[in-house]
Amino acid sequence: QVQLVESGGGLVQAGGSLRLSCATSGRTFTSYAMAWFRQAPGKEREFVAAISWGSGNTYYADSVKGRFTISRDNAKNAVYLQMNSLKPGDTAVYYCAGGPLIVTSERRYGYWGQGTQVTVSS
């Protein structure tokens, strides 16, 4: 059974930092692209960042570029999202996803975690 489990969410003040982790099990994800998406209340889920299987390619949404960094440790089957200079607009449930290609469309990712809440207070 494939599982993606996010952790590291929480409440932080604007300007602060959080590091999200995504642990994978049940299948080797070393050959998969991994991504983070987020969904704020009343809004559609949106792409945040993605990383290729070998970490050679990364891609970010314009809204987080320069503040967020995606990385992965294939030896640990884990993906991370370092979030700095957080803003209230970053408040959302953050989801980890895995798929064959590094793309921004959520429809191309077949594996999803349950999400972790990030709340940024002003």
PDB file of N, CA and C in Angstrom:
ATOM      1  N   GLN A   1       0.848  -1.190   0.000  1.00  0.00           N
ATOM      2  CA  GLN A   1       0.000   0.000   0.000  1.00  0.00           C
ATOM      3  C   GLN A   1       0.884   1.241   0.000  1.00  0.00           C
ATOM      4  N   VAL A   2       0.621   2.124  -0.935  1.00  0.00           N
ATOM      5  CA  VAL A   2       1.412   3.340  -1.051  1.00  0.00           C
ATOM      6  C   VAL A   2       0.916   4.372  -0.052  1.00  0.00           C
ATOM      7  N   GLN A   3       1.856   4.997   0.624  1.00  0.00           N
ATOM      8  CA  GLN A   3       1.493   6.042   1.576  1.00  0.00           C
ATOM      9  C   GLN A   3       2.435   7.223   1.475  1.00  0.00           C
ATOM     10  N   LEU A   4       1.852   8.398   1.531  1.00  0.00           N
ATOM     11  CA  LEU A   4       2.599   9.645   1.667  1.00  0.00           C
ATOM     12  C   LEU A   4       2.088  10.295   2.938  1.00  0.00           C
ATOM     13  N   VAL A   5       2.976  10.629   3.844  1.00  0.00           N
ATOM     14  CA  VAL A   5       2.565  11.198   5.119  1.00  0.00           C
ATOM     15  C   VAL A   5       3.314  12.498   5.350  1.00  0.00           C
ATOM     16  N   GLU A   6       2.559  13.601   5.404  1.00  0.00           N
ATOM     17  CA  GLU A   6       3.150  14.912   5.643  1.00  0.00           C
ATOM     18  C   GLU A   6       3.241  15.189   7.148  1.00  0.00           C
ATOM     19  N   SER A   7       4.196  16.013   7.498  1.00  0.00           N
ATOM     20  CA  SER A   7       4.340  16.475   8.875  1.00  0.00           C
ATOM     21  C   SER A   7       5.055  17.820   8.856  1.00  0.00           C
ATOM     22  N   GLY A   8       5.040  18.490  10.008  1.00  0.00           N
ATOM     23  CA  GLY A   8       5.769  19.741  10.134  1.00  0.00           C
ATOM     24  C   GLY A   8       4.927  20.995  10.072  1.00  0.00           C
ATOM     25  N   GLY A   9       3.638  20.839   9.815  1.00  0.00           N
ATOM     26  CA  GLY A   9       2.773  22.015   9.792  1.00  0.00           C
ATOM     27  C   GLY A   9       2.567  22.575  11.190  1.00  0.00           C
ATOM     28  N   GLY A  10       1.944  23.737  11.236  1.00  0.00           N
ATOM     29  CA  GLY A  10       1.680  24.363  12.523  1.00  0.00           C
ATOM     30  C   GLY A  10       1.335  25.815  12.372  1.00  0.00           C
ATOM     31  N   LEU A  11       1.362  26.506  13.505  1.00  0.00           N
ATOM     32  CA  LEU A  11       1.047  27.940  13.564  1.00  0.00           C
ATOM     33  C   LEU A  11       2.347  28.725  13.690  1.00  0.00           C
ATOM     34  N   VAL A  12       2.516  29.731  12.854  1.00  0.00           N
ATOM     35  CA  VAL A  12       3.731  30.543  12.881  1.00  0.00           C
ATOM     36  C   VAL A  12       3.365  31.991  12.582  1.00  0.00           C
ATOM     37  N   GLN A  13       4.125  32.907  13.109  1.00  0.00           N
ATOM     38  CA  GLN A  13       3.883  34.322  12.833  1.00  0.00           C
ATOM     39  C   GLN A  13       4.438  34.700  11.461  1.00  0.00           C
ATOM     40  N   ALA A  14       3.869  35.723  10.895  1.00  0.00           N
ATOM     41  CA  ALA A  14       4.357  36.223   9.617  1.00  0.00           C
ATOM     42  C   ALA A  14       5.854  36.535   9.720  1.00  0.00           C
ATOM     43  N   GLY A  15       6.583  36.145   8.694  1.00  0.00           N
ATOM     44  CA  GLY A  15       8.024  36.330   8.685  1.00  0.00           C
ATOM     45  C   GLY A  15       8.782  35.119   9.197  1.00  0.00           C
ATOM     46  N   GLY A  16       8.076  34.188   9.798  1.00  0.00           N
ATOM     47  CA  GLY A  16       8.698  33.005  10.346  1.00  0.00           C
ATOM     48  C   GLY A  16       8.930  31.922   9.312  1.00  0.00           C
ATOM     49  N   SER A  17       9.393  30.771   9.802  1.00  0.00           N
ATOM     50  CA  SER A  17       9.741  29.656   8.921  1.00  0.00           C
ATOM     51  C   SER A  17       9.137  28.351   9.434  1.00  0.00           C
ATOM     52  N   LEU A  18       8.905  27.460   8.500  1.00  0.00           N
ATOM     53  CA  LEU A  18       8.497  26.092   8.806  1.00  0.00           C
ATOM     54  C   LEU A  18       9.140  25.165   7.792  1.00  0.00           C
ATOM     55  N   ARG A  19       9.361  23.933   8.213  1.00  0.00           N
ATOM     56  CA  ARG A  19       9.870  22.918   7.287  1.00  0.00           C
ATOM     57  C   ARG A  19       8.901  21.743   7.272  1.00  0.00           C
ATOM     58  N   LEU A  20       8.307  21.525   6.125  1.00  0.00           N
ATOM     59  CA  LEU A  20       7.415  20.395   5.958  1.00  0.00           C
ATOM     60  C   LEU A  20       8.188  19.180   5.474  1.00  0.00           C
ATOM     61  N   SER A  21       7.761  18.014   5.941  1.00  0.00           N
ATOM     62  CA  SER A  21       8.358  16.761   5.501  1.00  0.00           C
ATOM     63  C   SER A  21       7.278  15.855   4.929  1.00  0.00           C
ATOM     64  N   CYS A  22       7.680  15.036   3.979  1.00  0.00           N
ATOM     65  CA  CYS A  22       6.770  14.046   3.392  1.00  0.00           C
ATOM     66  C   CYS A  22       7.506  12.717   3.367  1.00  0.00           C
ATOM     67  N   ALA A  23       7.029  11.777   4.155  1.00  0.00           N
ATOM     68  CA  ALA A  23       7.624  10.450   4.203  1.00  0.00           C
ATOM     69  C   ALA A  23       6.831   9.516   3.295  1.00  0.00           C
ATOM     70  N   THR A  24       7.540   8.751   2.494  1.00  0.00           N
ATOM     71  CA  THR A  24       6.879   7.827   1.573  1.00  0.00           C
ATOM     72  C   THR A  24       7.161   6.399   1.995  1.00  0.00           C
ATOM     73  N   SER A  25       6.199   5.533   1.775  1.00  0.00           N
ATOM     74  CA  SER A  25       6.381   4.121   2.091  1.00  0.00           C
ATOM     75  C   SER A  25       5.505   3.290   1.183  1.00  0.00           C
ATOM     76  N   GLY A  26       5.844   2.040   1.076  1.00  0.00           N
ATOM     77  CA  GLY A  26       5.060   1.119   0.286  1.00  0.00           C
ATOM     78  C   GLY A  26       5.464   1.049  -1.179  1.00  0.00           C
ATOM     79  N   ARG A  27       6.266   1.970  -1.628  1.00  0.00           N
ATOM     80  CA  ARG A  27       6.721   1.978  -3.009  1.00  0.00           C
ATOM     81  C   ARG A  27       7.955   2.860  -3.083  1.00  0.00           C
ATOM     82  N   THR A  28       8.864   2.542  -3.945  1.00  0.00           N
ATOM     83  CA  THR A  28      10.068   3.343  -4.082  1.00  0.00           C
ATOM     84  C   THR A  28       9.776   4.550  -4.954  1.00  0.00           C
ATOM     85  N   PHE A  29       9.928   5.729  -4.394  1.00  0.00           N
ATOM     86  CA  PHE A  29       9.620   6.946  -5.115  1.00  0.00           C
ATOM     87  C   PHE A  29      10.845   7.618  -5.710  1.00  0.00           C
ATOM     88  N   THR A  30      11.955   6.907  -5.674  1.00  0.00           N
ATOM     89  CA  THR A  30      13.178   7.534  -6.160  1.00  0.00           C
ATOM     90  C   THR A  30      13.106   7.880  -7.637  1.00  0.00           C
ATOM     91  N   SER A  31      12.247   7.203  -8.401  1.00  0.00           N
ATOM     92  CA  SER A  31      12.137   7.493  -9.828  1.00  0.00           C
ATOM     93  C   SER A  31      10.976   8.432 -10.143  1.00  0.00           C
ATOM     94  N   TYR A  32      10.306   8.947  -9.132  1.00  0.00           N
ATOM     95  CA  TYR A  32       9.137   9.792  -9.315  1.00  0.00           C
ATOM     96  C   TYR A  32       9.480  11.257  -9.069  1.00  0.00           C
ATOM     97  N   ALA A  33       8.798  12.108  -9.789  1.00  0.00           N
ATOM     98  CA  ALA A  33       8.800  13.514  -9.432  1.00  0.00           C
ATOM     99  C   ALA A  33       7.903  13.691  -8.214  1.00  0.00           C
ATOM    100  N   MET A  34       8.293  14.606  -7.350  1.00  0.00           N
ATOM    101  CA  MET A  34       7.512  14.875  -6.152  1.00  0.00           C
ATOM    102  C   MET A  34       7.153  16.354  -6.122  1.00  0.00           C
ATOM    103  N   ALA A  35       6.008  16.643  -5.540  1.00  0.00           N
ATOM    104  CA  ALA A  35       5.542  18.029  -5.536  1.00  0.00           C
ATOM    105  C   ALA A  35       4.802  18.348  -4.249  1.00  0.00           C
ATOM    106  N   TRP A  36       4.667  19.637  -4.018  1.00  0.00           N
ATOM    107  CA  TRP A  36       3.825  20.155  -2.941  1.00  0.00           C
ATOM    108  C   TRP A  36       2.730  21.015  -3.565  1.00  0.00           C
ATOM    109  N   PHE A  37       1.524  20.804  -3.082  1.00  0.00           N
ATOM    110  CA  PHE A  37       0.386  21.633  -3.431  1.00  0.00           C
ATOM    111  C   PHE A  37      -0.195  22.194  -2.142  1.00  0.00           C
ATOM    112  N   ARG A  38      -1.067  23.193  -2.269  1.00  0.00           N
ATOM    113  CA  ARG A  38      -1.742  23.720  -1.085  1.00  0.00           C
ATOM    114  C   ARG A  38      -3.156  24.132  -1.439  1.00  0.00           C
ATOM    115  N   GLN A  39      -3.994  24.110  -0.422  1.00  0.00           N
ATOM    116  CA  GLN A  39      -5.387  24.519  -0.613  1.00  0.00           C
ATOM    117  C   GLN A  39      -5.819  25.372   0.570  1.00  0.00           C
ATOM    118  N   ALA A  40      -6.151  26.615   0.281  1.00  0.00           N
ATOM    119  CA  ALA A  40      -6.648  27.535   1.282  1.00  0.00           C
ATOM    120  C   ALA A  40      -8.168  27.412   1.365  1.00  0.00           C
ATOM    121  N   PRO A  41      -8.761  27.810   2.485  1.00  0.00           N
ATOM    122  CA  PRO A  41     -10.219  27.711   2.636  1.00  0.00           C
ATOM    123  C   PRO A  41     -10.950  28.451   1.518  1.00  0.00           C
ATOM    124  N   GLY A  42     -11.885  27.764   0.890  1.00  0.00           N
ATOM    125  CA  GLY A  42     -12.679  28.377  -0.155  1.00  0.00           C
ATOM    126  C   GLY A  42     -11.993  28.528  -1.489  1.00  0.00           C
ATOM    127  N   LYS A  43     -10.790  27.991  -1.605  1.00  0.00           N
ATOM    128  CA  LYS A  43     -10.037  28.109  -2.852  1.00  0.00           C
ATOM    129  C   LYS A  43      -9.685  26.734  -3.399  1.00  0.00           C
ATOM    130  N   GLU A  44      -9.349  26.698  -4.685  1.00  0.00           N
ATOM    131  CA  GLU A  44      -8.920  25.450  -5.297  1.00  0.00           C
ATOM    132  C   GLU A  44      -7.488  25.121  -4.872  1.00  0.00           C
ATOM    133  N   ARG A  45      -7.178  23.851  -4.950  1.00  0.00           N
ATOM    134  CA  ARG A  45      -5.819  23.442  -4.650  1.00  0.00           C
ATOM    135  C   ARG A  45      -4.876  23.985  -5.727  1.00  0.00           C
ATOM    136  N   GLU A  46      -3.711  24.472  -5.304  1.00  0.00           N
ATOM    137  CA  GLU A  46      -2.777  25.085  -6.240  1.00  0.00           C
ATOM    138  C   GLU A  46      -1.377  24.510  -6.080  1.00  0.00           C
ATOM    139  N   PHE A  47      -0.657  24.546  -7.169  1.00  0.00           N
ATOM    140  CA  PHE A  47       0.724  24.068  -7.202  1.00  0.00           C
ATOM    141  C   PHE A  47       1.623  24.997  -6.407  1.00  0.00           C
ATOM    142  N   VAL A  48       2.582  24.409  -5.681  1.00  0.00           N
ATOM    143  CA  VAL A  48       3.545  25.194  -4.913  1.00  0.00           C
ATOM    144  C   VAL A  48       4.962  24.973  -5.452  1.00  0.00           C
ATOM    145  N   ALA A  49       5.393  23.707  -5.498  1.00  0.00           N
ATOM    146  CA  ALA A  49       6.757  23.406  -5.927  1.00  0.00           C
ATOM    147  C   ALA A  49       6.851  21.946  -6.344  1.00  0.00           C
ATOM    148  N   ALA A  50       7.845  21.646  -7.187  1.00  0.00           N
ATOM    149  CA  ALA A  50       8.067  20.269  -7.616  1.00  0.00           C
ATOM    150  C   ALA A  50       9.548  20.024  -7.817  1.00  0.00           C
ATOM    151  N   ILE A  51       9.945  18.765  -7.718  1.00  0.00           N
ATOM    152  CA  ILE A  51      11.346  18.389  -7.860  1.00  0.00           C
ATOM    153  C   ILE A  51      11.422  17.077  -8.634  1.00  0.00           C
ATOM    154  N   SER A  52      12.388  17.001  -9.524  1.00  0.00           N
ATOM    155  CA  SER A  52      12.567  15.780 -10.308  1.00  0.00           C
ATOM    156  C   SER A  52      13.158  14.671  -9.449  1.00  0.00           C
ATOM    157  N   TRP A  53      13.159  13.460  -9.986  1.00  0.00           N
ATOM    158  CA  TRP A  53      13.603  12.329  -9.186  1.00  0.00           C
ATOM    159  C   TRP A  53      15.056  12.457  -8.764  1.00  0.00           C
ATOM    160  N   GLY A  54      15.895  13.057  -9.582  1.00  0.00           N
ATOM    161  CA  GLY A  54      17.305  13.174  -9.252  1.00  0.00           C
ATOM    162  C   GLY A  54      17.679  14.504  -8.623  1.00  0.00           C
ATOM    163  N   SER A  55      16.654  15.331  -8.311  1.00  0.00           N
ATOM    164  CA  SER A  55      16.848  16.643  -7.686  1.00  0.00           C
ATOM    165  C   SER A  55      17.516  17.647  -8.607  1.00  0.00           C
ATOM    166  N   GLY A  56      17.707  17.277  -9.876  1.00  0.00           N
ATOM    167  CA  GLY A  56      18.365  18.206 -10.774  1.00  0.00           C
ATOM    168  C   GLY A  56      17.484  19.340 -11.240  1.00  0.00           C
ATOM    169  N   ASN A  57      16.187  19.113 -11.200  1.00  0.00           N
ATOM    170  CA  ASN A  57      15.242  20.131 -11.659  1.00  0.00           C
ATOM    171  C   ASN A  57      14.238  20.437 -10.570  1.00  0.00           C
ATOM    172  N   THR A  58      14.033  21.724 -10.359  1.00  0.00           N
ATOM    173  CA  THR A  58      13.000  22.176  -9.437  1.00  0.00           C
ATOM    174  C   THR A  58      12.169  23.247 -10.122  1.00  0.00           C
ATOM    175  N   TYR A  59      10.952  23.396  -9.650  1.00  0.00           N
ATOM    176  CA  TYR A  59      10.044  24.372 -10.241  1.00  0.00           C
ATOM    177  C   TYR A  59       9.159  24.921  -9.137  1.00  0.00           C
ATOM    178  N   TYR A  60       8.930  26.231  -9.175  1.00  0.00           N
ATOM    179  CA  TYR A  60       8.178  26.893  -8.107  1.00  0.00           C
ATOM    180  C   TYR A  60       7.078  27.773  -8.683  1.00  0.00           C
ATOM    181  N   ALA A  61       6.016  27.877  -7.920  1.00  0.00           N
ATOM    182  CA  ALA A  61       5.000  28.874  -8.244  1.00  0.00           C
ATOM    183  C   ALA A  61       5.590  30.256  -8.011  1.00  0.00           C
ATOM    184  N   ASP A  62       5.181  31.222  -8.786  1.00  0.00           N
ATOM    185  CA  ASP A  62       5.715  32.578  -8.651  1.00  0.00           C
ATOM    186  C   ASP A  62       5.492  33.135  -7.249  1.00  0.00           C
ATOM    187  N   SER A  63       4.402  32.735  -6.629  1.00  0.00           N
ATOM    188  CA  SER A  63       4.048  33.285  -5.323  1.00  0.00           C
ATOM    189  C   SER A  63       4.996  32.849  -4.209  1.00  0.00           C
ATOM    190  N   VAL A  64       5.761  31.778  -4.435  1.00  0.00           N
ATOM    191  CA  VAL A  64       6.659  31.283  -3.377  1.00  0.00           C
ATOM    192  C   VAL A  64       8.127  31.330  -3.790  1.00  0.00           C
ATOM    193  N   LYS A  65       8.378  31.685  -5.026  1.00  0.00           N
ATOM    194  CA  LYS A  65       9.753  31.696  -5.531  1.00  0.00           C
ATOM    195  C   LYS A  65      10.614  32.634  -4.692  1.00  0.00           C
ATOM    196  N   GLY A  66      11.777  32.144  -4.280  1.00  0.00           N
ATOM    197  CA  GLY A  66      12.681  32.926  -3.464  1.00  0.00           C
ATOM    198  C   GLY A  66      12.438  32.795  -1.972  1.00  0.00           C
ATOM    199  N   ARG A  67      11.299  32.205  -1.596  1.00  0.00           N
ATOM    200  CA  ARG A  67      10.987  32.030  -0.173  1.00  0.00           C
ATOM    201  C   ARG A  67      10.937  30.554   0.221  1.00  0.00           C
ATOM    202  N   PHE A  68      10.472  29.707  -0.699  1.00  0.00           N
ATOM    203  CA  PHE A  68      10.342  28.280  -0.419  1.00  0.00           C
ATOM    204  C   PHE A  68      11.414  27.498  -1.181  1.00  0.00           C
ATOM    205  N   THR A  69      11.854  26.392  -0.583  1.00  0.00           N
ATOM    206  CA  THR A  69      12.822  25.509  -1.229  1.00  0.00           C
ATOM    207  C   THR A  69      12.370  24.062  -1.080  1.00  0.00           C
ATOM    208  N   ILE A  70      12.266  23.373  -2.201  1.00  0.00           N
ATOM    209  CA  ILE A  70      11.912  21.956  -2.177  1.00  0.00           C
ATOM    210  C   ILE A  70      13.186  21.137  -2.312  1.00  0.00           C
ATOM    211  N   SER A  71      13.243  20.029  -1.582  1.00  0.00           N
ATOM    212  CA  SER A  71      14.395  19.139  -1.667  1.00  0.00           C
ATOM    213  C   SER A  71      13.926  17.718  -1.393  1.00  0.00           C
ATOM    214  N   ARG A  72      14.790  16.767  -1.650  1.00  0.00           N
ATOM    215  CA  ARG A  72      14.443  15.373  -1.403  1.00  0.00           C
ATOM    216  C   ARG A  72      15.677  14.604  -0.989  1.00  0.00           C
ATOM    217  N   ASP A  73      15.436  13.539  -0.232  1.00  0.00           N
ATOM    218  CA  ASP A  73      16.484  12.621   0.166  1.00  0.00           C
ATOM    219  C   ASP A  73      16.012  11.233  -0.247  1.00  0.00           C
ATOM    220  N   ASN A  74      16.485  10.764  -1.386  1.00  0.00           N
ATOM    221  CA  ASN A  74      15.994   9.487  -1.910  1.00  0.00           C
ATOM    222  C   ASN A  74      16.396   8.311  -1.031  1.00  0.00           C
ATOM    223  N   ALA A  75      17.491   8.451  -0.310  1.00  0.00           N
ATOM    224  CA  ALA A  75      17.912   7.374   0.592  1.00  0.00           C
ATOM    225  C   ALA A  75      16.909   7.187   1.721  1.00  0.00           C
ATOM    226  N   LYS A  76      16.216   8.273   2.052  1.00  0.00           N
ATOM    227  CA  LYS A  76      15.220   8.222   3.120  1.00  0.00           C
ATOM    228  C   LYS A  76      13.797   8.217   2.579  1.00  0.00           C
ATOM    229  N   ASN A  77      13.660   8.227   1.260  1.00  0.00           N
ATOM    230  CA  ASN A  77      12.322   8.298   0.642  1.00  0.00           C
ATOM    231  C   ASN A  77      11.521   9.462   1.224  1.00  0.00           C
ATOM    232  N   ALA A  78      12.140  10.608   1.276  1.00  0.00           N
ATOM    233  CA  ALA A  78      11.510  11.770   1.892  1.00  0.00           C
ATOM    234  C   ALA A  78      11.659  12.999   1.013  1.00  0.00           C
ATOM    235  N   VAL A  79      10.684  13.866   1.111  1.00  0.00           N
ATOM    236  CA  VAL A  79      10.678  15.141   0.406  1.00  0.00           C
ATOM    237  C   VAL A  79      10.417  16.240   1.437  1.00  0.00           C
ATOM    238  N   TYR A  80      11.027  17.386   1.216  1.00  0.00           N
ATOM    239  CA  TYR A  80      10.915  18.477   2.183  1.00  0.00           C
ATOM    240  C   TYR A  80      10.500  19.772   1.491  1.00  0.00           C
ATOM    241  N   LEU A  81       9.890  20.638   2.254  1.00  0.00           N
ATOM    242  CA  LEU A  81       9.581  21.981   1.779  1.00  0.00           C
ATOM    243  C   LEU A  81       9.974  22.961   2.876  1.00  0.00           C
ATOM    244  N   GLN A  82      11.065  23.663   2.647  1.00  0.00           N
ATOM    245  CA  GLN A  82      11.497  24.698   3.581  1.00  0.00           C
ATOM    246  C   GLN A  82      10.794  25.989   3.211  1.00  0.00           C
ATOM    247  N   MET A  83      10.054  26.546   4.162  1.00  0.00           N
ATOM    248  CA  MET A  83       9.266  27.746   3.904  1.00  0.00           C
ATOM    249  C   MET A  83       9.777  28.875   4.790  1.00  0.00           C
ATOM    250  N   ASN A  84      10.298  29.920   4.170  1.00  0.00           N
ATOM    251  CA  ASN A  84      10.811  31.082   4.886  1.00  0.00           C
ATOM    252  C   ASN A  84       9.986  32.317   4.553  1.00  0.00           C
ATOM    253  N   SER A  85      10.130  33.323   5.362  1.00  0.00           N
ATOM    254  CA  SER A  85       9.418  34.597   5.148  1.00  0.00           C
ATOM    255  C   SER A  85       7.932  34.361   4.903  1.00  0.00           C
ATOM    256  N   LEU A  86       7.338  33.564   5.749  1.00  0.00           N
ATOM    257  CA  LEU A  86       5.941  33.192   5.564  1.00  0.00           C
ATOM    258  C   LEU A  86       5.017  34.387   5.703  1.00  0.00           C
ATOM    259  N   LYS A  87       3.946  34.351   4.922  1.00  0.00           N
ATOM    260  CA  LYS A  87       2.953  35.409   4.907  1.00  0.00           C
ATOM    261  C   LYS A  87       1.587  34.825   5.270  1.00  0.00           C
ATOM    262  N   PRO A  88       0.674  35.663   5.748  1.00  0.00           N
ATOM    263  CA  PRO A  88      -0.676  35.143   6.028  1.00  0.00           C
ATOM    264  C   PRO A  88      -1.312  34.468   4.814  1.00  0.00           C
ATOM    265  N   GLY A  89      -0.983  34.938   3.627  1.00  0.00           N
ATOM    266  CA  GLY A  89      -1.516  34.339   2.406  1.00  0.00           C
ATOM    267  C   GLY A  89      -1.010  32.939   2.135  1.00  0.00           C
ATOM    268  N   ASP A  90      -0.001  32.501   2.889  1.00  0.00           N
ATOM    269  CA  ASP A  90       0.494  31.127   2.744  1.00  0.00           C
ATOM    270  C   ASP A  90      -0.324  30.140   3.569  1.00  0.00           C
ATOM    271  N   THR A  91      -1.262  30.633   4.356  1.00  0.00           N
ATOM    272  CA  THR A  91      -2.103  29.765   5.169  1.00  0.00           C
ATOM    273  C   THR A  91      -2.906  28.818   4.285  1.00  0.00           C
ATOM    274  N   ALA A  92      -2.768  27.524   4.542  1.00  0.00           N
ATOM    275  CA  ALA A  92      -3.433  26.513   3.719  1.00  0.00           C
ATOM    276  C   ALA A  92      -3.125  25.136   4.279  1.00  0.00           C
ATOM    277  N   VAL A  93      -3.814  24.148   3.735  1.00  0.00           N
ATOM    278  CA  VAL A  93      -3.419  22.761   3.954  1.00  0.00           C
ATOM    279  C   VAL A  93      -2.439  22.409   2.843  1.00  0.00           C
ATOM    280  N   TYR A  94      -1.291  21.900   3.225  1.00  0.00           N
ATOM    281  CA  TYR A  94      -0.244  21.564   2.269  1.00  0.00           C
ATOM    282  C   TYR A  94      -0.215  20.054   2.036  1.00  0.00           C
ATOM    283  N   TYR A  95      -0.185  19.689   0.750  1.00  0.00           N
ATOM    284  CA  TYR A  95      -0.217  18.286   0.352  1.00  0.00           C
ATOM    285  C   TYR A  95       1.051  17.905  -0.394  1.00  0.00           C
ATOM    286  N   CYS A  96       1.525  16.728  -0.105  1.00  0.00           N
ATOM    287  CA  CYS A  96       2.626  16.116  -0.830  1.00  0.00           C
ATOM    288  C   CYS A  96       2.041  15.217  -1.922  1.00  0.00           C
ATOM    289  N   ALA A  97       2.677  15.194  -3.090  1.00  0.00           N
ATOM    290  CA  ALA A  97       2.165  14.388  -4.197  1.00  0.00           C
ATOM    291  C   ALA A  97       3.311  13.775  -4.986  1.00  0.00           C
ATOM    292  N   GLY A  98       3.065  12.621  -5.575  1.00  0.00           N
ATOM    293  CA  GLY A  98       4.077  11.939  -6.386  1.00  0.00           C
ATOM    294  C   GLY A  98       3.524  11.541  -7.731  1.00  0.00           C
ATOM    295  N   GLY A  99       4.365  11.665  -8.778  1.00  0.00           N
ATOM    296  CA  GLY A  99       3.936  11.314 -10.120  1.00  0.00           C
ATOM    297  C   GLY A  99       5.116  11.126 -11.041  1.00  0.00           C
ATOM    298  N   PRO A 100       4.860  10.734 -12.282  1.00  0.00           N
ATOM    299  CA  PRO A 100       5.945  10.400 -13.200  1.00  0.00           C
ATOM    300  C   PRO A 100       6.679  11.598 -13.790  1.00  0.00           C
ATOM    301  N   LEU A 101       6.034  12.760 -13.788  1.00  0.00           N
ATOM    302  CA  LEU A 101       6.637  13.924 -14.427  1.00  0.00           C
ATOM    303  C   LEU A 101       6.607  15.127 -13.503  1.00  0.00           C
ATOM    304  N   ILE A 102       7.551  16.034 -13.694  1.00  0.00           N
ATOM    305  CA  ILE A 102       7.578  17.284 -12.926  1.00  0.00           C
ATOM    306  C   ILE A 102       6.701  18.285 -13.669  1.00  0.00           C
ATOM    307  N   VAL A 103       5.446  18.359 -13.210  1.00  0.00           N
ATOM    308  CA  VAL A 103       4.460  19.225 -13.835  1.00  0.00           C
ATOM    309  C   VAL A 103       3.709  20.003 -12.758  1.00  0.00           C
ATOM    310  N   THR A 104       2.951  20.986 -13.173  1.00  0.00           N
ATOM    311  CA  THR A 104       2.222  21.793 -12.203  1.00  0.00           C
ATOM    312  C   THR A 104       0.767  21.354 -12.042  1.00  0.00           C
ATOM    313  N   SER A 105       0.290  20.504 -12.926  1.00  0.00           N
ATOM    314  CA  SER A 105      -1.109  20.075 -12.868  1.00  0.00           C
ATOM    315  C   SER A 105      -1.291  18.954 -11.859  1.00  0.00           C
ATOM    316  N   GLU A 106      -2.215  19.138 -10.946  1.00  0.00           N
ATOM    317  CA  GLU A 106      -2.447  18.115  -9.926  1.00  0.00           C
ATOM    318  C   GLU A 106      -2.985  16.826 -10.531  1.00  0.00           C
ATOM    319  N   ARG A 107      -3.581  16.915 -11.711  1.00  0.00           N
ATOM    320  CA  ARG A 107      -4.155  15.720 -12.330  1.00  0.00           C
ATOM    321  C   ARG A 107      -3.086  14.726 -12.770  1.00  0.00           C
ATOM    322  N   ARG A 108      -1.857  15.181 -12.875  1.00  0.00           N
ATOM    323  CA  ARG A 108      -0.769  14.306 -13.310  1.00  0.00           C
ATOM    324  C   ARG A 108      -0.084  13.600 -12.153  1.00  0.00           C
ATOM    325  N   TYR A 109      -0.543  13.852 -10.934  1.00  0.00           N
ATOM    326  CA  TYR A 109       0.047  13.201  -9.762  1.00  0.00           C
ATOM    327  C   TYR A 109      -0.928  12.165  -9.235  1.00  0.00           C
ATOM    328  N   GLY A 110      -0.474  10.931  -9.143  1.00  0.00           N
ATOM    329  CA  GLY A 110      -1.365   9.861  -8.761  1.00  0.00           C
ATOM    330  C   GLY A 110      -1.346   9.494  -7.290  1.00  0.00           C
ATOM    331  N   TYR A 111      -0.358  10.003  -6.574  1.00  0.00           N
ATOM    332  CA  TYR A 111      -0.218   9.660  -5.162  1.00  0.00           C
ATOM    333  C   TYR A 111      -0.256  10.939  -4.327  1.00  0.00           C
ATOM    334  N   TRP A 112      -1.044  10.889  -3.258  1.00  0.00           N
ATOM    335  CA  TRP A 112      -1.261  12.078  -2.428  1.00  0.00           C
ATOM    336  C   TRP A 112      -1.220  11.719  -0.956  1.00  0.00           C
ATOM    337  N   GLY A 113      -0.725  12.668  -0.155  1.00  0.00           N
ATOM    338  CA  GLY A 113      -0.806  12.541   1.283  1.00  0.00           C
ATOM    339  C   GLY A 113      -2.106  13.131   1.789  1.00  0.00           C
ATOM    340  N   GLN A 114      -2.267  13.096   3.102  1.00  0.00           N
ATOM    341  CA  GLN A 114      -3.519  13.562   3.708  1.00  0.00           C
ATOM    342  C   GLN A 114      -3.498  15.054   4.001  1.00  0.00           C
ATOM    343  N   GLY A 115      -2.324  15.660   3.922  1.00  0.00           N
ATOM    344  CA  GLY A 115      -2.215  17.098   4.129  1.00  0.00           C
ATOM    345  C   GLY A 115      -1.806  17.467   5.539  1.00  0.00           C
ATOM    346  N   THR A 116      -1.174  18.629   5.649  1.00  0.00           N
ATOM    347  CA  THR A 116      -0.798  19.176   6.946  1.00  0.00           C
ATOM    348  C   THR A 116      -1.118  20.666   6.948  1.00  0.00           C
ATOM    349  N   GLN A 117      -1.699  21.134   8.045  1.00  0.00           N
ATOM    350  CA  GLN A 117      -2.171  22.521   8.114  1.00  0.00           C
ATOM    351  C   GLN A 117      -1.024  23.468   8.440  1.00  0.00           C
ATOM    352  N   VAL A 118      -0.932  24.529   7.671  1.00  0.00           N
ATOM    353  CA  VAL A 118      -0.001  25.624   7.948  1.00  0.00           C
ATOM    354  C   VAL A 118      -0.824  26.891   8.143  1.00  0.00           C
ATOM    355  N   THR A 119      -0.655  27.528   9.279  1.00  0.00           N
ATOM    356  CA  THR A 119      -1.372  28.763   9.572  1.00  0.00           C
ATOM    357  C   THR A 119      -0.360  29.853   9.903  1.00  0.00           C
ATOM    358  N   VAL A 120      -0.439  30.955   9.175  1.00  0.00           N
ATOM    359  CA  VAL A 120       0.473  32.075   9.377  1.00  0.00           C
ATOM    360  C   VAL A 120      -0.334  33.248   9.908  1.00  0.00           C
ATOM    361  N   SER A 121       0.001  33.685  11.102  1.00  0.00           N
ATOM    362  CA  SER A 121      -0.718  34.796  11.722  1.00  0.00           C
ATOM    363  C   SER A 121      -0.023  36.119  11.412  1.00  0.00           C
ATOM    364  N   SER A 122      -0.807  37.167  11.345  1.00  0.00           N
ATOM    365  CA  SER A 122      -0.251  38.489  11.020  1.00  0.00           C
ATOM    366  C   SER A 122       0.193  39.238  12.264  1.00  0.00           C
TER     367      SER A 122
END
